[in-house]
Structures are given as structure tokens and as C-alpha cells.
């Protein structure tokens, strides 16, 4: 028991950073994100990438910052200018969103330094530019039904059609993120119930619910499975046979969504996140309140969920225009 306690201490203990070079403090920060903040490996990987780009650029400047107090507002301003002039592999300038990711990572690092009373630039000095409201792509009505039924219109092997149909129904039923979907194992989803727990961002668990359609198609898909893989959604070749790699990847799900959007004649740029948008919009349009939707989506901040209010406001306006004062028009005629 004592040994187990010591092992647990080793895994969860975190030393406060000492004054050191900027590079060493960045390493401390990434360790902090992993141990204290329980951030996902992908988040840590991205923060490492963004901060490494900043450091590599900063070290080539006339006065490279070796200590945290040498990170100045002027240095950050010049870095922002560099980001605006940077092109990606396609020869295109970085989008405002991508530029923001670098600044968010840098500001988070500065917050970390401030929290541990390490003198540096105040995080609030790194202002994030106001971005244009992003377009929310979602499906509703007939286009949604056409899309969800698209796998059944193909001539693929039954196991592929059933797998893909189950994926689409599950995404729309639960509002899962694509990574949450692909991380599911068969044992995670109890088909005897209408609900199950899913581990989302930041290692937080939340309850998601299964529609009758999602349960039905999951059961049909699993009844066709002849393998012993634990993953819920597995990779299949064109003959419907399992591939050795097992688990379906998020990129594969993106391709599946794109394929069936094309078959359904949908011209919108639809992604797995578009089905998450469709899930949220469907709930709000049906009368759910914003806080209920926040919980079902697993958003830590209500402001993240509020992007959907613009969509539902537009929906309500269409309802108003379609039905309000119709009876008065009939009476006048």
C-alpha cells in the first residue's frame, strides 16, 4: 500500500519552477499542463509547436530573450508582425485564427509565469485580435435526412454501410467531437441503456444520450462484426475486411463525412464538427436552453456555446416570416 502511495505521489507531484532560461521554463510549463492541468497530449503537442516557433524566431533577434523578464511587449509586437507575413506549406498567409493560436499559447505561458511569481511580460499585454464570427455549418430538415441516409444508398459491403450509418447517427445523436467518437471502445457504449459516459477535453467526463436510431444502427453494425477488436469503429478495406491498424482515425471519419455529403448532394463544407453544430442547433431550435446544451456539448465556458444563439436567432426569424400575420393576410384577401 505504501509503495502504491509513493508511485501515485511520483505521478502527481509537480515542482515549482525555479528562475531559469526561457526554454527551460517552457519545458516546465508543458509539464505543468500535463500533470496539473491534465491537458490532452494533442493540446500539449500544439502548445509545444507554437512556443517552439516563437522561441526559434526570438533567438534570431538582435536581443534574444534568455530570461523571462526579457520577453517585452515590443518583442511580441514584432512576432505578431512576423506571423502576419508567414506563409504555410501551400504558399498561403497564415489565417487570423492560426495566428491567434500562437498568441494564445504565448499568453498562457506568460500566465503560468505570473502565477508562479516569475517576472516577465504581463499576459494581458498580449492582446488577441478580434476575429470575424465564423460561419456555423449545420444541416437540418431534408438535407439532414438525405445525409444520414446516404450510406444506405451506396453499393459498399454491408459491414461498411452499417458502420458508416452508425457513425453518422451517433455523431448527430450525441454531439460527440470526432476524437471522442474514434476513441470509443465497444465496452464504453451500453446499448441496453440510452446513455453513456464519454471522456472529453481536459479529461472531463460527461453524459451523452443515444437516440433510438443511433441504438438501432449501432446494434446492426455490431451484429455484423466478426473480429475481436475492442474499438467501436474499426478500419475496413473495400472488401469489408478488417485492417491490422484497427481503430478508425479522425481523418478517416472526416473523409467519410465528405463522401456522404457529396452523395447527398450537399454543397456546404461539412465536417464532423458540422454534425456537432447540427446536434446543438437541433436542440436549441427544439426548445432546449443554452446551459443545457452547454452541458451536453461539454463546453467549459458558456461563451463557447453562445455561438449557436446566432444560428437559432436566424431560425426563429425564418419561422416568424413564414407564419406571423398569415391569417391577417388571408382575411384581407
Protein backbone atom coordinates (compact mmCIF):
# COMPACT_ATOMS: atom_id res chain seq x y z
CA UNK A 1 0.00 0.00 0.00
CA UNK A 2 2.86 2.36 0.91
CA UNK A 3 4.56 1.61 -2.44
CA UNK A 4 1.34 2.39 -4.34
CA UNK A 5 1.05 5.67 -2.46
CA UNK A 6 4.64 6.59 -3.36
CA UNK A 7 4.00 5.74 -7.03
CA UNK A 8 0.93 7.94 -7.00
CA UNK A 9 2.98 10.76 -5.48
CA UNK A 10 5.57 10.43 -8.23
CA UNK A 11 2.88 10.69 -10.92
CA UNK A 12 1.03 13.66 -9.45
CA UNK A 13 3.75 15.71 -7.75
CA UNK A 14 4.90 18.83 -9.53
CA UNK A 15 7.83 21.00 -8.58
CA UNK A 16 7.54 24.77 -8.69
CA UNK A 17 9.89 26.11 -11.35
CA UNK A 18 12.99 28.00 -10.37
CA UNK A 19 14.23 31.08 -12.20
CA UNK A 20 15.83 29.77 -15.32
CA UNK A 21 16.16 30.26 -19.04
CA UNK A 22 13.06 30.82 -21.14
CA UNK A 23 13.49 27.43 -22.83
CA UNK A 24 13.65 25.55 -19.54
CA UNK A 25 10.61 27.43 -18.28
CA UNK A 26 8.68 26.45 -21.41
CA UNK A 27 9.50 22.82 -20.62
CA UNK A 28 8.25 23.37 -17.06
CA UNK A 29 5.08 24.92 -18.46
CA UNK A 30 4.40 21.93 -20.74
CA UNK A 31 4.96 19.59 -17.80
CA UNK A 32 2.52 21.70 -15.77
CA UNK A 33 -0.12 21.37 -18.49
CA UNK A 34 0.27 17.60 -18.46
CA UNK A 35 0.37 16.99 -14.70
CA UNK A 36 -1.55 19.83 -13.08
CA UNK A 37 -3.96 20.81 -15.82
CA UNK A 38 -4.47 17.31 -17.25
CA UNK A 39 -4.48 18.67 -20.80
CA UNK A 40 -4.66 16.21 -23.69
CA UNK A 41 -1.48 15.05 -25.49
CA UNK A 42 -2.69 16.88 -28.61
CA UNK A 43 -3.08 20.18 -26.73
CA UNK A 44 0.40 19.83 -25.25
CA UNK A 45 1.84 18.95 -28.66
CA UNK A 46 0.27 22.07 -30.21
CA UNK A 47 1.41 24.38 -27.40
CA UNK A 48 4.92 22.98 -27.75
CA UNK A 49 4.82 23.64 -31.50
CA UNK A 50 3.61 27.24 -31.14
CA UNK A 51 6.04 28.12 -28.36
CA UNK A 52 8.94 26.46 -30.16
CA UNK A 53 8.19 28.61 -33.21
CA UNK A 54 8.20 31.70 -31.01
CA UNK A 55 11.49 30.75 -29.33
CA UNK A 56 13.21 29.85 -32.61
CA UNK A 57 12.20 33.21 -34.05
CA UNK A 58 13.09 35.16 -30.88
CA UNK A 59 16.56 33.61 -30.62
CA UNK A 60 17.43 35.06 -34.04
CA UNK A 61 16.57 38.61 -32.99
CA UNK A 62 19.24 41.26 -32.20
CA UNK A 63 18.41 40.96 -28.47
CA UNK A 64 17.19 37.38 -27.97
CA UNK A 65 15.33 36.82 -24.65
CA UNK A 66 17.39 34.48 -22.47
CA UNK A 67 15.47 35.26 -19.29
CA UNK A 68 11.67 35.60 -18.88
CA UNK A 69 11.91 39.29 -17.97
CA UNK A 70 13.45 39.90 -21.40
CA UNK A 71 10.18 38.99 -23.14
CA UNK A 72 8.97 42.50 -23.92
CA UNK A 73 5.87 43.96 -25.50
CA UNK A 74 7.98 45.13 -28.42
CA UNK A 75 9.27 41.59 -28.95
CA UNK A 76 5.71 40.24 -29.01
CA UNK A 77 4.64 43.01 -31.38
CA UNK A 78 7.43 42.09 -33.78
CA UNK A 79 6.46 38.41 -33.51
CA UNK A 80 2.88 39.27 -34.45
CA UNK A 81 4.20 41.16 -37.46
CA UNK A 82 6.23 38.09 -38.43
CA UNK A 83 3.17 35.83 -38.12
CA UNK A 84 1.19 38.11 -40.45
CA UNK A 85 3.96 37.73 -43.06
CA UNK A 86 4.41 33.97 -42.68
CA UNK A 87 3.13 31.58 -45.34
CA UNK A 88 2.13 27.94 -44.88
CA UNK A 89 3.19 24.95 -47.00
CA UNK A 90 0.58 25.87 -49.60
CA UNK A 91 2.12 29.31 -50.03
CA UNK A 92 -0.83 30.99 -48.31
CA UNK A 93 -0.56 33.53 -45.49
CA UNK A 94 -1.49 32.21 -42.04
CA UNK A 95 -5.16 32.75 -41.29
CA UNK A 96 -6.11 35.09 -38.42
CA UNK A 97 -7.28 32.02 -36.48
CA UNK A 98 -3.91 30.29 -36.86
CA UNK A 99 -2.06 33.45 -35.85
CA UNK A 100 -4.26 33.60 -32.77
CA UNK A 101 -3.23 30.08 -31.71
CA UNK A 102 0.39 31.23 -31.40
CA UNK A 103 -0.62 34.22 -29.29
CA UNK A 104 -2.92 32.15 -27.08
CA UNK A 105 -0.08 29.72 -26.36
CA UNK A 106 2.30 32.58 -25.57
CA UNK A 107 -0.23 34.29 -23.32
CA UNK A 108 -0.90 31.02 -21.46
CA UNK A 109 2.83 30.64 -20.88
CA UNK A 110 3.02 34.18 -19.51
CA UNK A 111 0.03 33.49 -17.22
CA UNK A 112 1.90 30.48 -15.92
CA UNK A 113 4.95 32.62 -15.15
CA UNK A 114 2.78 35.23 -13.43
CA UNK A 115 1.08 32.54 -11.33
CA UNK A 116 4.47 31.38 -10.07
CA UNK A 117 5.64 34.96 -9.47
CA UNK A 118 8.30 34.82 -12.17
CA UNK A 119 8.89 38.29 -13.55
CA UNK A 120 8.01 38.65 -17.22
CA UNK A 121 5.62 40.48 -19.54
CA UNK A 122 2.10 40.70 -18.09
CA UNK A 123 -0.14 38.23 -20.01
CA UNK A 124 -2.84 40.87 -20.55
CA UNK A 125 -0.31 42.82 -22.61
CA UNK A 126 -0.67 40.16 -25.31
CA UNK A 127 -3.93 41.26 -26.89
CA UNK A 128 -5.77 38.88 -29.18
CA UNK A 129 -7.21 40.46 -32.32
CA UNK A 130 -10.96 40.31 -32.64
CA UNK A 131 -11.80 37.70 -35.23
CA UNK A 132 -14.74 37.68 -37.57
CA UNK A 133 -17.57 35.44 -36.44
CA UNK A 134 -17.03 32.06 -38.00
CA UNK A 135 -19.71 30.57 -40.15
CA UNK A 136 -21.58 27.76 -38.44
CA UNK A 137 -22.22 24.97 -40.92
CA UNK A 138 -25.07 22.68 -39.94
CA UNK A 139 -27.77 20.53 -41.52
CA UNK A 140 -31.50 20.49 -40.89
CA UNK A 141 -34.68 19.15 -42.43
CA UNK A 142 -34.48 17.19 -45.65
CA UNK A 143 -30.77 17.77 -46.25
CA UNK A 144 -30.04 16.26 -42.82
CA UNK A 145 -32.17 13.18 -43.56
CA UNK A 146 -30.64 12.79 -47.02
CA UNK A 147 -27.17 12.94 -45.49
CA UNK A 148 -27.90 10.47 -42.67
CA UNK A 149 -29.37 8.00 -45.16
CA UNK A 150 -26.57 8.36 -47.73
CA UNK A 151 -24.59 5.28 -46.56
CA UNK A 152 -27.59 3.09 -47.39
CA UNK A 153 -27.63 4.40 -50.97
CA UNK A 154 -24.19 3.04 -51.80
CA UNK A 155 -23.13 -0.36 -53.15
CA UNK A 156 -20.48 -0.86 -50.47
CA UNK A 157 -20.27 -4.08 -48.46
CA UNK A 158 -22.94 -4.35 -45.76
CA UNK A 159 -20.45 -4.01 -42.91
CA UNK A 160 -19.11 -0.72 -44.37
CA UNK A 161 -22.60 0.68 -44.97
CA UNK A 162 -23.70 -0.24 -41.45
CA UNK A 163 -20.53 1.12 -39.85
CA UNK A 164 -20.82 4.43 -41.66
CA UNK A 165 -24.54 4.74 -40.97
CA UNK A 166 -23.89 4.09 -37.27
CA UNK A 167 -21.15 6.75 -37.24
CA UNK A 168 -23.42 9.41 -38.75
CA UNK A 169 -26.33 8.59 -36.45
CA UNK A 170 -24.11 8.51 -33.37
CA UNK A 171 -22.49 11.88 -34.18
CA UNK A 172 -25.88 13.53 -34.68
CA UNK A 173 -27.41 11.80 -31.64
CA UNK A 174 -24.69 12.75 -29.18
CA UNK A 175 -22.82 15.81 -30.50
CA UNK A 176 -19.53 13.99 -29.91
CA UNK A 177 -16.26 15.51 -31.06
CA UNK A 178 -14.62 13.38 -33.73
CA UNK A 179 -11.75 12.43 -31.38
CA UNK A 180 -14.25 11.37 -28.73
CA UNK A 181 -16.03 9.18 -31.29
CA UNK A 182 -12.88 7.46 -32.55
CA UNK A 183 -11.60 6.84 -29.01
CA UNK A 184 -14.70 4.82 -28.09
CA UNK A 185 -14.41 1.11 -27.40
CA UNK A 186 -17.32 -1.32 -27.64
CA UNK A 187 -17.44 -1.69 -23.86
CA UNK A 188 -17.89 2.09 -23.46
CA UNK A 189 -21.35 2.04 -25.05
CA UNK A 190 -24.02 0.09 -23.19
CA UNK A 191 -26.78 -0.47 -25.74
CA UNK A 192 -29.16 -1.63 -23.01
CA UNK A 193 -29.28 1.99 -21.88
CA UNK A 194 -29.97 5.23 -23.71
CA UNK A 195 -26.89 6.93 -22.31
CA UNK A 196 -23.17 6.52 -21.65
CA UNK A 197 -20.21 8.48 -20.31
CA UNK A 198 -17.57 9.96 -22.60
CA UNK A 199 -14.21 11.48 -21.69
CA UNK A 200 -13.85 14.88 -23.34
CA UNK A 201 -11.42 17.79 -23.33
CA UNK A 202 -9.34 18.23 -20.22
CA UNK A 203 -10.12 14.67 -19.15
CA UNK A 204 -13.64 15.72 -18.12
CA UNK A 205 -16.41 13.13 -18.25
CA UNK A 206 -19.91 13.95 -19.42
CA UNK A 207 -23.13 12.09 -20.07
CA UNK A 208 -24.33 11.69 -23.68
CA UNK A 209 -27.61 10.22 -24.88
CA UNK A 210 -28.47 7.76 -27.63
CA UNK A 211 -31.42 8.24 -29.94
CA UNK A 212 -33.45 5.20 -30.98
CA UNK A 213 -31.98 5.47 -34.46
CA UNK A 214 -28.40 5.55 -33.14
CA UNK A 215 -29.04 2.49 -30.94
CA UNK A 216 -30.69 0.60 -33.79
CA UNK A 217 -27.87 1.14 -36.28
CA UNK A 218 -25.14 0.51 -33.72
CA UNK A 219 -26.74 -2.83 -32.91
CA UNK A 220 -26.99 -3.74 -36.58
CA UNK A 221 -23.37 -2.76 -37.20
CA UNK A 222 -22.01 -4.66 -34.19
CA UNK A 223 -24.02 -7.78 -35.10
CA UNK A 224 -22.07 -7.86 -38.39
CA UNK A 225 -18.68 -7.60 -36.70
CA UNK A 226 -16.75 -10.88 -36.73
CA UNK A 227 -13.49 -9.57 -35.28
CA UNK A 228 -12.33 -9.34 -31.68
CA UNK A 229 -11.03 -5.75 -31.79
CA UNK A 230 -12.10 -3.70 -28.73
CA UNK A 231 -12.55 -0.49 -30.77
CA UNK A 232 -16.11 0.56 -31.57
CA UNK A 233 -15.32 1.79 -35.07
CA UNK A 234 -12.64 -0.14 -36.97
CA UNK A 235 -10.90 0.37 -40.28
CA UNK A 236 -12.17 -1.77 -43.16
CA UNK A 237 -10.87 -2.36 -46.65
CA UNK A 238 -13.11 -2.29 -49.73
CA UNK A 239 -13.92 -5.96 -49.26
CA UNK A 240 -15.24 -5.17 -45.80
CA UNK A 241 -12.34 -6.91 -44.06
CA UNK A 242 -10.57 -5.52 -41.01
CA UNK A 243 -7.25 -3.77 -41.38
CA UNK A 244 -4.44 -4.54 -38.99
CA UNK A 245 -4.31 -0.97 -37.66
CA UNK A 246 -7.71 -1.44 -36.01
CA UNK A 247 -9.16 1.86 -34.81
CA UNK A 248 -10.69 4.29 -37.30
CA UNK A 249 -8.88 7.65 -37.20
CA UNK A 250 -10.40 11.16 -37.02
CA UNK A 251 -9.02 11.83 -40.51
CA UNK A 252 -10.86 8.75 -41.82
CA UNK A 253 -14.11 9.98 -40.28
CA UNK A 254 -13.59 13.36 -41.97
CA UNK A 255 -13.28 11.57 -45.32
CA UNK A 256 -16.42 9.55 -44.58
CA UNK A 257 -18.40 12.74 -43.85
CA UNK A 258 -17.13 14.37 -47.04
CA UNK A 259 -18.02 11.27 -49.08
CA UNK A 260 -21.64 11.12 -47.90
CA UNK A 261 -22.15 14.88 -48.14
CA UNK A 262 -21.24 14.56 -51.82
CA UNK A 263 -23.59 11.59 -52.30
CA UNK A 264 -26.42 13.52 -50.61
CA UNK A 265 -25.83 16.50 -52.90
CA UNK A 266 -24.79 18.81 -50.07
CA UNK A 267 -22.60 21.66 -51.30
CA UNK A 268 -21.76 23.01 -47.82
CA UNK A 269 -18.28 22.35 -46.47
CA UNK A 270 -19.42 19.70 -44.00
CA UNK A 271 -17.09 18.21 -41.38
CA UNK A 272 -17.62 16.00 -38.31
CA UNK A 273 -17.88 19.24 -36.33
CA UNK A 274 -20.73 20.22 -38.63
CA UNK A 275 -22.76 17.35 -37.18
CA UNK A 276 -21.92 18.64 -33.70
CA UNK A 277 -23.26 22.02 -34.85
CA UNK A 278 -26.35 20.26 -36.22
CA UNK A 279 -26.87 18.50 -32.87
CA UNK A 280 -26.65 21.78 -30.92
CA UNK A 281 -28.83 23.69 -33.36
CA UNK A 282 -31.46 20.95 -33.33
CA UNK A 283 -31.64 21.09 -29.52
CA UNK A 284 -31.88 24.88 -29.35
CA UNK A 285 -34.45 25.07 -32.13
CA UNK A 286 -36.47 22.42 -30.29
CA UNK A 287 -36.61 24.47 -27.11
CA UNK A 288 -33.54 23.46 -25.07
CA UNK A 289 -31.88 26.31 -23.18
CA UNK A 290 -28.29 27.37 -23.75
CA UNK A 291 -26.98 25.98 -20.44
CA UNK A 292 -28.46 22.55 -21.10
CA UNK A 293 -26.78 22.48 -24.50
CA UNK A 294 -23.52 23.65 -22.90
CA UNK A 295 -23.53 20.60 -20.63
CA UNK A 296 -24.36 18.20 -23.43
CA UNK A 297 -21.58 19.58 -25.63
CA UNK A 298 -19.06 19.51 -22.78
CA UNK A 299 -18.16 23.20 -23.10
CA UNK A 300 -16.35 24.55 -20.03
CA UNK A 301 -17.43 28.11 -20.88
CA UNK A 302 -20.93 29.27 -21.76
CA UNK A 303 -19.44 31.82 -24.18
CA UNK A 304 -18.31 28.92 -26.40
CA UNK A 305 -21.88 27.62 -26.64
CA UNK A 306 -23.30 31.07 -27.36
CA UNK A 307 -22.07 30.93 -30.97
CA UNK A 308 -25.21 28.90 -31.63
CA UNK A 309 -27.59 31.63 -30.50
CA UNK A 310 -26.92 33.47 -33.77
CA UNK A 311 -27.98 30.37 -35.67
CA UNK A 312 -31.16 29.87 -33.67
CA UNK A 313 -32.00 33.58 -33.87
CA UNK A 314 -31.86 33.29 -37.67
CA UNK A 315 -34.02 30.17 -37.48
CA UNK A 316 -36.62 31.98 -35.35
CA UNK A 317 -36.65 34.86 -37.82
CA UNK A 318 -37.45 32.45 -40.65
CA UNK A 319 -40.27 30.95 -38.56
CA UNK A 320 -41.61 34.43 -37.86
CA UNK A 321 -41.52 35.43 -41.52
CA UNK A 322 -43.16 32.17 -42.59
CA UNK A 323 -46.05 32.15 -40.12
CA UNK A 324 -46.63 35.51 -38.48
CA UNK A 325 -49.55 37.55 -39.80
CA UNK A 326 -50.50 34.86 -42.34
CA UNK A 327 -54.06 34.79 -41.03
CA UNK A 328 -54.40 38.57 -41.35
CA UNK A 329 -53.26 38.34 -44.98
CA UNK A 330 -55.93 35.71 -45.64
CA UNK A 331 -58.59 37.91 -44.02
CA UNK A 332 -57.57 40.89 -46.15
CA UNK A 333 -57.88 38.79 -49.28
